Structures are given as structure tokens and as C-alpha cells.
C-alpha atoms as a PDB file:
ATOM      1  CA  MET A   1      96.262 127.808  93.047  1.00  0.00           C
ATOM      2  CA  SER A   2      97.665 125.980  90.054  1.00  0.00           C
ATOM      3  CA  ASN A   3      97.070 122.395  89.176  1.00  0.00           C
ATOM      4  CA  SER A   4     100.577 121.480  90.185  1.00  0.00           C
ATOM      5  CA  ASP A   5     100.210 123.305  93.582  1.00  0.00           C
ATOM      6  CA  PHE A   6      97.013 121.113  94.249  1.00  0.00           C
ATOM      7  CA  ASN A   7      98.794 117.938  93.176  1.00  0.00           C
ATOM      8  CA  ARG A   8     101.793 118.726  95.384  1.00  0.00           C
ATOM      9  CA  GLY A   9      99.474 119.400  98.376  1.00  0.00           C
ATOM     10  CA  TYR A  10      97.406 116.150  97.782  1.00  0.00           C
ATOM     11  CA  LEU A  11     100.464 114.057  97.235  1.00  0.00           C
ATOM     12  CA  ILE A  12     101.956 115.352 100.547  1.00  0.00           C
ATOM     13  CA  ALA A  13      98.730 114.477 102.272  1.00  0.00           C
ATOM     14  CA  VAL A  14      98.877 110.907 100.758  1.00  0.00           C
ATOM     15  CA  ALA A  15     102.504 110.577 101.920  1.00  0.00           C
ATOM     16  CA  ASN A  16     101.432 111.707 105.428  1.00  0.00           C
ATOM     17  CA  LEU A  17      98.773 108.644 105.453  1.00  0.00           C
ATOM     18  CA  MET A  18     101.845 106.463 104.943  1.00  0.00           C
ATOM     19  CA  ASN A  19     104.407 108.245 107.009  1.00  0.00           C
ATOM     20  CA  LEU A  20     102.220 109.025 110.078  1.00  0.00           C
ATOM     21  CA  HIS A  21      99.564 106.372 110.019  1.00  0.00           C
ATOM     22  CA  ASP A  22     101.029 103.490 107.969  1.00  0.00           C
ATOM     23  CA  SER A  23      97.747 103.464 106.108  1.00  0.00           C
ATOM     24  CA  GLU A  24      98.925 101.894 102.800  1.00  0.00           C
ATOM     25  CA  VAL A  25      95.494 100.791 101.636  1.00  0.00           C
ATOM     26  CA  GLU A  26      93.782 104.049 102.209  1.00  0.00           C
ATOM     27  CA  ALA A  27      96.783 105.891 100.747  1.00  0.00           C
ATOM     28  CA  GLN A  28      96.493 103.793  97.699  1.00  0.00           C
ATOM     29  CA  ASP A  29      93.020 104.410  97.213  1.00  0.00           C
ATOM     30  CA  VAL A  30      93.249 108.094  97.629  1.00  0.00           C
ATOM     31  CA  LEU A  31      96.365 108.251  95.305  1.00  0.00           C
ATOM     32  CA  GLY A  32      94.318 106.463  92.639  1.00  0.00           C
ATOM     33  CA  GLN A  33      91.731 109.211  92.583  1.00  0.00           C
ATOM     34  CA  LEU A  34      94.305 111.827  91.855  1.00  0.00           C
ATOM     35  CA  GLY A  35      95.300 110.688  88.401  1.00  0.00           C
ATOM     36  CA  CYS A  36      98.814 112.144  88.771  1.00  0.00           C
ATOM     37  CA  THR A  37     101.543 109.966  86.981  1.00  0.00           C
ATOM     38  CA  ARG A  38     104.912 108.999  88.660  1.00  0.00           C
ATOM     39  CA  ALA A  39     106.643 111.443  86.030  1.00  0.00           C
ATOM     40  CA  GLN A  40     104.447 114.238  87.055  1.00  0.00           C
ATOM     41  CA  MET A  41     104.886 113.517  90.872  1.00  0.00           C
ATOM     42  CA  GLU A  42     108.762 113.538  90.382  1.00  0.00           C
ATOM     43  CA  LYS A  43     108.670 116.958  88.923  1.00  0.00           C
ATOM     44  CA  LEU A  44     106.714 118.646  91.896  1.00  0.00           C
ATOM     45  CA  GLY A  45     109.821 119.175  94.064  1.00  0.00           C
ATOM     46  CA  LEU A  46     108.717 116.969  96.926  1.00  0.00           C
ATOM     47  CA  THR A  47     111.044 116.088  99.729  1.00  0.00           C
ATOM     48  CA  ASP A  48     112.567 112.582 100.127  1.00  0.00           C
ATOM     49  CA  TYR A  49     110.350 112.217 103.176  1.00  0.00           C
ATOM     50  CA  ASP A  50     107.395 112.453 100.932  1.00  0.00           C
ATOM     51  CA  LEU A  51     108.821 110.739  97.817  1.00  0.00           C
ATOM     52  CA  THR A  52     109.850 107.556  99.628  1.00  0.00           C
ATOM     53  CA  PRO A  53     106.309 106.301 100.541  1.00  0.00           C
ATOM     54  CA  LEU A  54     104.825 107.841  97.167  1.00  0.00           C
ATOM     55  CA  ARG A  55     107.207 105.788  95.170  1.00  0.00           C
ATOM     56  CA  LYS A  56     106.357 102.696  97.093  1.00  0.00           C
ATOM     57  CA  LEU A  57     102.735 103.378  96.272  1.00  0.00           C
ATOM     58  CA  TYR A  58     103.581 103.982  92.551  1.00  0.00           C
ATOM     59  CA  ASP A  59     105.630 100.734  92.567  1.00  0.00           C
ATOM     60  CA  GLU A  60     102.823  98.641  94.004  1.00  0.00           C
ATOM     61  CA  THR A  61     100.290 100.249  91.518  1.00  0.00           C
ATOM     62  CA  GLU A  62     102.494  99.291  88.676  1.00  0.00           C
ATOM     63  CA  ARG A  63     102.975  95.792  90.058  1.00  0.00           C
ATOM     64  CA  LEU A  64      99.327  95.327  90.524  1.00  0.00           C
ATOM     65  CA  ALA A  65      98.634  96.590  87.086  1.00  0.00           C
ATOM     66  CA  GLU A  66     100.990  93.954  85.668  1.00  0.00           C
ATOM     67  CA  VAL A  67      99.300  91.202  87.828  1.00  0.00           C
ATOM     68  CA  TYR A  68      95.831  92.273  86.463  1.00  0.00           C
ATOM     69  CA  LYS A  69      97.048  92.258  83.054  1.00  0.00           C
ATOM     70  CA  ARG A  70      98.461  88.781  83.343  1.00  0.00           C
ATOM     71  CA  GLN A  71      95.216  87.580  84.951  1.00  0.00           C
ATOM     72  CA  ARG A  72      93.113  88.950  82.144  1.00  0.00           C
ATOM     73  CA  ALA A  73      95.492  87.315  79.668  1.00  0.00           C
ATOM     74  CA  LEU A  74      95.210  83.993  81.348  1.00  0.00           C
ATOM     75  CA  ALA A  75      91.418  84.083  81.589  1.00  0.00           C
ATOM     76  CA  ALA A  76      91.292  84.975  77.901  1.00  0.00           C
ATOM     77  CA  LEU A  77      93.518  82.005  77.164  1.00  0.00           C
ATOM     78  CA  SER A  78      91.473  79.744  79.281  1.00  0.00           C
ATOM     79  CA  ALA A  79      88.234  80.808  77.619  1.00  0.00           C
ATOM     80  CA  SER A  80      89.677  80.258  74.224  1.00  0.00           C
ATOM     81  CA  ASN A  81      91.087  76.871  75.253  1.00  0.00           C
ATOM     82  CA  ALA A  82      87.626  75.837  76.654  1.00  0.00           C
ATOM     83  CA  ALA A  83      85.967  76.978  73.361  1.00  0.00           C
ATOM     84  CA  GLN A  84      88.381  74.786  71.422  1.00  0.00           C
ATOM     85  CA  VAL A  85      87.692  71.793  73.697  1.00  0.00           C
ATOM     86  CA  SER A  86      83.961  72.136  73.408  1.00  0.00           C
ATOM     87  CA  LYS A  87      84.031  72.034  69.561  1.00  0.00           C
END
């Protein structure tokens, strides 16, 4: 079995967590373990039935990554401001 065959089956299983069980948190956790990018996913020839929930999960992953990035930037700025005030 090729890596893309494995990824395709894995992603179908993740999509089924969403489609059949509405298990977004679990699906997000499992998807994160695969390490397959959105671009790689789009090339695997999945059906719209599988792509729809997967795209939703990738959108959420990207949104959360941006939120965490902003939180880290704010924390760094806050720490820098605190250091300036304490001088």
C-alpha cells in the first residue's frame, strides 16, 4: 500500500467520524496525527461527501493556528511592556 493510499483511507475514516457521528473534537485530534496538508488531501481524489467535513476541519485548524499565533504575539508584547514598566 502506498502512502497516498494510506492517507486516503485515513482521511475517509476521519470524515466518517464527522459524517456519521458528528465527532468534531475527536476527528480534529485524529486528523492532527496524520500530518497531511490540505493540498495533499485535495489531490487524493476523495468524494465531496468526504471532502466537505475534512475541509471544515482544515479550516478550523487554520483558524486556531492564527488565534494561537495572535495569543503568543500578545503575550510577548505584554511581557515586553511589563519589562519596560519595571525599569
